[in-house]
Structures are given as structure tokens and as C-alpha cells.
């Protein structure tokens, strides 16, 4: 107010009426000018935040800005997002398919979640969604090379066909020379002879988490947490059909558009395509 009235009134009088010291006034005026200097950047940050439906924190916003050619410091983005009241959202839990039987399959992955090339290491699991008492189960398989969801299936019942369909679609994407390690927990689906036979027929090596060690499959757990916090918990669903359509849309977004800082600010598909073109 003092800044605006200053054009037509003596500053000393305005400061006296406002009971404001001269030093405080100039400090606030300089701060306001600094924020005005970033007005365009704040608009671009807000547009990105809205486009990604609040899923991006300051690191991903920074990467997205840099991807569009803007050289900006992550600390500046963090400060401006705090000023705008923009922050990303959190994660929780999952369906557990373990029924007590101890598998004889060793943990070959051994928490080595880094892969040197596509289709070298895959991880899979099942998670559950609940809509007004109706349940939906999602079974995806992820490539640890770039975090891409290779294939997935959804059903209202956690039957073997849920995992069988996911596996069929994933195996169809393998080239003749590909023989990935496929890691899961000790869920009953992954211990069935039909599942293990399919892996063997395609030269896929099976690996399983140790009993009671959810961190052995942390990459898949992380994806479920991200899916639920960035999509499921932010929306209201009237039917299972709505949820299914939304999950399909989110997984496409996750693969093709959602950038990852550990992938040099690229989406999983962008990262894979860049590596194949190199």
C-alpha cells in the first residue's frame, strides 16, 4: 500500500501513518521486486504443476523446465513453489498375496535394482483397489532398466488368470535374444506350475523375495505407492469401470510423459528410445 501511495504522498508521512520503519519498507520493496522478476517463471511452474495434477515436486518441475530449454536452479524453483503453496503428494500400502507357503525359488535379484539394458531385469506384483466395497486387482510387470511398465492386467478377482494375462503380454514383447530375470514376492500365483512353466518355455529366470522382506521388491512397491498417491487417492470413482479406464490412462502417462530425475529428466519411454538411438 505504501509503495502504491508513494507516487502522490511524502514517504515519511506514509511510513509514520503505517507505523513502518524505513529499513523494513525498503527490504519489503526489494523482496517484492525480486518476486515480480520471477512472475513468468512462477506462471510456468504453476502450469506444469497443474498439467501433472500436483504429482510433481520441485525436482521434477525443475527437470521439466530444463527439458523445455530453461536454465533454472532447483533451489529457485523450490523457493517459488513454497511461495505459491505448491507441493507434491504422498504414498501408502498394498495387497499381499502371500498365503504362508514357503517358496523354494532363491532371491536372485538380491536388491540389485539397477539394469544395464532393457529386458534384463523385470519385477512384478499385485495390488488391490477398493471402490465402495468392490475390489479391483492390478498386476503389472516393470523393467528395472527405466522403470517402464512393460505390461499389465486388471481383474475384479485375484485369480491366476490375472497374472497369466500379464505374463502373456509381457513375454510377447521379448526379442529372441532376451532372457530377463523376473522377480516377485512369494505370492501363490508365482508358485503355480503354469506360471513357472511359461517362464521356463521363454528362458526367463525366476527370482523371489525372501519371506517377509517387502524391500526385496522395493521398486514395484514404489510404483504402487506412486500410482495410488498421484492418481487413486486424488480422484473419486463411482464404478470399477471408471477406475480401470483411469489406471490405463495413468500408466500411459507414467510410461510416456512422467519424467524421472534418475533418468536424466526423461520419461521411461524417452529414456529407452534415447538409449536405443545412441
Protein backbone atom coordinates (compact mmCIF):
# COMPACT_ATOMS: atom_id res chain seq x y z
CA UNK A 1 0.00 0.00 0.00
CA UNK A 2 2.81 2.40 0.93
CA UNK A 3 4.58 1.54 -2.33
CA UNK A 4 1.48 2.42 -4.37
CA UNK A 5 0.67 5.64 -2.44
CA UNK A 6 4.30 6.77 -2.57
CA UNK A 7 3.79 8.33 -6.03
CA UNK A 8 1.45 11.05 -4.67
CA UNK A 9 2.41 11.40 -0.99
CA UNK A 10 5.60 12.01 1.01
CA UNK A 11 7.18 8.70 2.02
CA UNK A 12 7.95 9.95 5.57
CA UNK A 13 4.25 10.68 6.19
CA UNK A 14 3.15 7.29 4.80
CA UNK A 15 5.69 5.41 6.93
CA UNK A 16 4.56 7.30 10.05
CA UNK A 17 0.87 6.53 9.42
CA UNK A 18 1.65 2.86 8.67
CA UNK A 19 3.99 2.68 11.70
CA UNK A 20 6.63 1.19 9.40
CA UNK A 21 10.37 1.78 9.65
CA UNK A 22 12.21 2.98 6.56
CA UNK A 23 14.53 -0.05 6.56
CA UNK A 24 11.60 -2.50 6.73
CA UNK A 25 9.84 -0.69 3.88
CA UNK A 26 12.87 -0.87 1.57
CA UNK A 27 13.52 -4.51 2.47
CA UNK A 28 9.95 -5.48 1.56
CA UNK A 29 10.05 -3.37 -1.61
CA UNK A 30 13.22 -5.14 -2.77
CA UNK A 31 11.68 -8.55 -1.98
CA UNK A 32 8.57 -7.66 -3.96
CA UNK A 33 10.65 -6.58 -6.95
CA UNK A 34 12.54 -9.90 -6.78
CA UNK A 35 9.28 -11.87 -6.80
CA UNK A 36 7.98 -9.78 -9.72
CA UNK A 37 11.15 -10.65 -11.62
CA UNK A 38 10.11 -14.32 -11.35
CA UNK A 39 6.47 -13.73 -12.31
CA UNK A 40 6.87 -15.50 -15.66
CA UNK A 41 8.71 -18.42 -14.11
CA UNK A 42 6.02 -18.77 -11.43
CA UNK A 43 3.36 -18.95 -14.15
CA UNK A 44 5.30 -21.68 -15.98
CA UNK A 45 5.79 -23.59 -12.72
CA UNK A 46 2.07 -23.38 -11.97
CA UNK A 47 1.14 -24.57 -15.50
CA UNK A 48 3.46 -27.59 -15.15
CA UNK A 49 2.14 -28.37 -11.68
CA UNK A 50 -1.47 -28.26 -12.92
CA UNK A 51 -0.69 -30.28 -16.05
CA UNK A 52 0.75 -33.08 -13.93
CA UNK A 53 -2.15 -32.79 -11.46
CA UNK A 54 0.04 -31.96 -8.46
CA UNK A 55 2.22 -35.05 -8.90
CA UNK A 56 5.48 -33.13 -9.45
CA UNK A 57 7.65 -31.74 -6.68
CA UNK A 58 10.33 -29.10 -7.25
CA UNK A 59 12.91 -31.58 -8.62
CA UNK A 60 10.67 -32.82 -11.44
CA UNK A 61 9.36 -29.31 -12.12
CA UNK A 62 13.00 -28.19 -12.47
CA UNK A 63 13.73 -31.07 -14.87
CA UNK A 64 10.65 -30.28 -16.94
CA UNK A 65 11.66 -26.62 -17.18
CA UNK A 66 15.19 -27.56 -18.23
CA UNK A 67 13.80 -30.01 -20.78
CA UNK A 68 11.96 -27.11 -22.40
CA UNK A 69 15.25 -25.16 -22.63
CA UNK A 70 15.02 -23.02 -19.50
CA UNK A 71 18.16 -22.82 -17.36
CA UNK A 72 16.89 -22.58 -13.80
CA UNK A 73 18.29 -23.50 -10.41
CA UNK A 74 16.37 -26.13 -8.41
CA UNK A 75 16.61 -24.00 -5.26
CA UNK A 76 14.86 -21.14 -7.04
CA UNK A 77 12.08 -23.48 -8.16
CA UNK A 78 11.76 -24.89 -4.63
CA UNK A 79 11.50 -21.40 -3.12
CA UNK A 80 8.93 -20.23 -5.67
CA UNK A 81 6.84 -23.37 -5.23
CA UNK A 82 6.84 -22.82 -1.48
CA UNK A 83 5.75 -19.22 -2.08
CA UNK A 84 2.92 -20.46 -4.36
CA UNK A 85 1.92 -23.18 -1.87
CA UNK A 86 2.60 -25.97 -4.38
CA UNK A 87 3.88 -29.34 -3.17
CA UNK A 88 3.70 -32.95 -4.31
CA UNK A 89 1.74 -35.71 -2.60
CA UNK A 90 2.44 -38.94 -0.60
CA UNK A 91 2.15 -42.76 -0.77
CA UNK A 92 0.80 -45.96 1.05
CA UNK A 93 0.12 -49.71 1.04
CA UNK A 94 -0.65 -52.84 -1.00
CA UNK A 95 -2.50 -56.09 -1.39
CA UNK A 96 -0.48 -59.10 -0.16
CA UNK A 97 -0.90 -62.41 -1.94
CA UNK A 98 1.39 -64.45 0.34
CA UNK A 99 -0.57 -67.32 1.90
CA UNK A 100 2.02 -68.88 4.15
CA UNK A 101 3.67 -71.38 1.83
CA UNK A 102 7.44 -71.06 1.63
CA UNK A 103 8.79 -71.00 -1.94
CA UNK A 104 11.97 -72.82 -2.91
CA UNK A 105 12.93 -70.19 -5.51
CA UNK A 106 16.00 -68.14 -4.45
CA UNK A 107 16.23 -64.36 -4.35
CA UNK A 108 18.49 -63.88 -7.36
CA UNK A 109 17.71 -60.17 -7.70
CA UNK A 110 19.14 -59.54 -4.21
CA UNK A 111 18.00 -55.89 -4.24
CA UNK A 112 20.22 -55.14 -7.26
CA UNK A 113 17.64 -52.88 -8.87
CA UNK A 114 19.95 -51.39 -11.50
CA UNK A 115 19.83 -52.89 -15.00
CA UNK A 116 22.33 -52.20 -17.79
CA UNK A 117 19.90 -52.70 -20.68
CA UNK A 118 16.19 -53.14 -21.43
CA UNK A 119 14.63 -56.56 -20.69
CA UNK A 120 17.47 -57.60 -18.38
CA UNK A 121 15.61 -57.40 -15.05
CA UNK A 122 11.85 -57.33 -14.54
CA UNK A 123 9.82 -57.11 -11.33
CA UNK A 124 6.13 -57.84 -10.76
CA UNK A 125 3.50 -57.84 -8.02
CA UNK A 126 -0.26 -57.44 -7.46
CA UNK A 127 -2.03 -54.54 -5.75
CA UNK A 128 -5.64 -54.03 -4.68
CA UNK A 129 -8.08 -51.11 -5.05
CA UNK A 130 -11.41 -50.77 -3.25
CA UNK A 131 -14.35 -48.77 -4.64
CA UNK A 132 -17.42 -48.80 -2.37
CA UNK A 133 -16.82 -52.39 -1.36
CA UNK A 134 -15.97 -53.57 -4.90
CA UNK A 135 -12.35 -54.56 -5.49
CA UNK A 136 -10.05 -54.29 -8.48
CA UNK A 137 -6.68 -56.03 -8.73
CA UNK A 138 -3.78 -54.77 -10.86
CA UNK A 139 -0.88 -56.95 -11.95
CA UNK A 140 1.94 -55.07 -13.78
CA UNK A 141 5.48 -56.02 -14.74
CA UNK A 142 8.18 -53.34 -14.66
CA UNK A 143 11.50 -53.15 -16.48
CA UNK A 144 14.16 -52.06 -13.98
CA UNK A 145 16.25 -50.52 -16.76
CA UNK A 146 13.97 -47.49 -16.98
CA UNK A 147 11.04 -48.17 -14.65
CA UNK A 148 8.71 -48.69 -17.64
CA UNK A 149 5.55 -50.75 -17.15
CA UNK A 150 6.05 -53.43 -19.81
CA UNK A 151 2.56 -54.92 -19.49
CA UNK A 152 -0.31 -55.19 -17.01
CA UNK A 153 -3.72 -56.73 -16.48
CA UNK A 154 -6.70 -55.88 -14.26
CA UNK A 155 -9.48 -58.08 -12.87
CA UNK A 156 -12.12 -57.97 -10.15
CA UNK A 157 -10.88 -61.25 -8.65
CA UNK A 158 -7.27 -62.15 -7.72
CA UNK A 159 -7.32 -65.33 -9.82
CA UNK A 160 -4.36 -66.86 -11.62
CA UNK A 161 -5.67 -65.52 -14.94
CA UNK A 162 -4.82 -62.00 -13.68
CA UNK A 163 -1.10 -62.86 -13.55
CA UNK A 164 -1.29 -65.23 -16.53
CA UNK A 165 -2.64 -62.49 -18.82
CA UNK A 166 0.00 -60.00 -17.66
CA UNK A 167 2.75 -62.57 -18.26
CA UNK A 168 1.44 -63.48 -21.73
CA UNK A 169 1.51 -59.83 -22.84
CA UNK A 170 4.97 -59.26 -21.34
CA UNK A 171 6.53 -62.34 -22.94
CA UNK A 172 5.14 -61.30 -26.35
CA UNK A 173 7.36 -58.19 -26.19
CA UNK A 174 10.62 -60.12 -25.80
CA UNK A 175 13.03 -60.49 -28.69
CA UNK A 176 14.59 -63.91 -29.35
CA UNK A 177 17.82 -62.98 -27.55
CA UNK A 178 16.06 -61.59 -24.44
CA UNK A 179 16.02 -63.72 -21.29
CA UNK A 180 15.21 -61.43 -18.34
CA UNK A 181 15.28 -62.19 -14.66
CA UNK A 182 11.68 -61.86 -13.38
CA UNK A 183 11.39 -61.09 -9.66
CA UNK A 184 8.26 -61.29 -7.50
CA UNK A 185 7.25 -61.86 -3.90
CA UNK A 186 6.19 -65.33 -2.69
CA UNK A 187 2.56 -64.88 -3.75
CA UNK A 188 0.68 -68.07 -4.55
CA UNK A 189 0.27 -67.06 -8.23
CA UNK A 190 4.03 -67.04 -8.77
CA UNK A 191 4.40 -70.51 -7.26
CA UNK A 192 1.90 -72.15 -9.62
CA UNK A 193 3.25 -74.67 -12.13
CA UNK A 194 1.53 -72.88 -15.07
CA UNK A 195 3.38 -69.65 -14.26
CA UNK A 196 6.74 -71.33 -13.78
CA UNK A 197 6.31 -73.40 -16.93
CA UNK A 198 5.70 -70.26 -19.01
CA UNK A 199 8.87 -68.69 -17.65
CA UNK A 200 10.88 -71.80 -18.45
CA UNK A 201 9.50 -72.02 -22.00
CA UNK A 202 10.70 -68.49 -22.74
CA UNK A 203 14.05 -68.75 -20.95
CA UNK A 204 13.01 -66.31 -18.23
CA UNK A 205 14.81 -66.76 -14.90
CA UNK A 206 12.59 -66.69 -11.81
CA UNK A 207 13.55 -64.87 -8.62
CA UNK A 208 11.53 -64.41 -5.41
CA UNK A 209 11.77 -62.18 -2.38
CA UNK A 210 12.62 -63.78 0.93
CA UNK A 211 9.68 -64.44 3.22
CA UNK A 212 8.59 -61.26 5.00
CA UNK A 213 11.04 -58.98 3.14
CA UNK A 214 8.96 -56.45 1.19
CA UNK A 215 12.08 -54.37 0.49
CA UNK A 216 13.32 -57.17 -1.76
CA UNK A 217 10.73 -55.90 -4.25
CA UNK A 218 11.01 -52.21 -3.38
CA UNK A 219 10.88 -50.98 -6.99
CA UNK A 220 7.42 -52.44 -7.53
CA UNK A 221 6.25 -51.25 -4.11
CA UNK A 222 7.41 -47.76 -5.07
CA UNK A 223 5.39 -47.82 -8.30
CA UNK A 224 2.21 -48.85 -6.44
CA UNK A 225 2.76 -46.06 -3.92
CA UNK A 226 3.23 -43.54 -6.72
CA UNK A 227 0.15 -44.76 -8.63
CA UNK A 228 -2.05 -44.53 -5.55
CA UNK A 229 -0.78 -41.19 -4.27
CA UNK A 230 -0.63 -39.48 -7.67
CA UNK A 231 -3.88 -40.88 -9.07
CA UNK A 232 -6.10 -43.12 -6.93
CA UNK A 233 -6.22 -41.01 -3.76
CA UNK A 234 -6.67 -37.77 -5.69
CA UNK A 235 -9.83 -38.81 -7.52
CA UNK A 236 -13.35 -40.00 -6.79
CA UNK A 237 -14.70 -43.08 -8.57
CA UNK A 238 -18.31 -44.22 -8.86
CA UNK A 239 -17.59 -47.50 -10.63
CA UNK A 240 -14.80 -50.03 -11.15
CA UNK A 241 -15.02 -49.26 -14.86
CA UNK A 242 -14.07 -45.63 -14.20
CA UNK A 243 -11.10 -46.75 -12.16
CA UNK A 244 -9.93 -49.20 -14.85
CA UNK A 245 -10.06 -46.51 -17.53
CA UNK A 246 -8.21 -44.10 -15.25
CA UNK A 247 -5.45 -46.60 -14.45
CA UNK A 248 -4.94 -47.29 -18.17
CA UNK A 249 -4.60 -43.56 -18.77
CA UNK A 250 -2.24 -43.10 -15.81
CA UNK A 251 0.07 -45.96 -16.86
CA UNK A 252 0.34 -44.48 -20.36
CA UNK A 253 1.15 -41.11 -18.76
CA UNK A 254 3.66 -42.78 -16.40
CA UNK A 255 5.48 -44.51 -19.27
CA UNK A 256 5.43 -41.77 -21.88
CA UNK A 257 5.22 -38.43 -20.10
CA UNK A 258 6.07 -38.52 -16.38
CA UNK A 259 9.75 -37.64 -16.06
CA UNK A 260 12.15 -39.22 -13.57
CA UNK A 261 15.12 -37.37 -12.15
CA UNK A 262 17.23 -40.54 -12.14
CA UNK A 263 16.53 -40.91 -15.89
CA UNK A 264 18.14 -37.51 -16.55
CA UNK A 265 14.79 -35.76 -16.59
CA UNK A 266 13.24 -38.09 -19.20
CA UNK A 267 10.19 -40.35 -19.10
CA UNK A 268 10.81 -44.14 -19.19
CA UNK A 269 9.94 -44.40 -22.89
CA UNK A 270 12.01 -41.32 -23.79
CA UNK A 271 14.97 -42.79 -21.90
CA UNK A 272 14.67 -46.17 -23.64
CA UNK A 273 14.31 -44.59 -27.08
CA UNK A 274 17.30 -42.33 -26.48
CA UNK A 275 19.45 -45.31 -25.43
CA UNK A 276 18.40 -47.36 -28.47
CA UNK A 277 19.18 -44.47 -30.80
CA UNK A 278 22.66 -43.95 -29.34
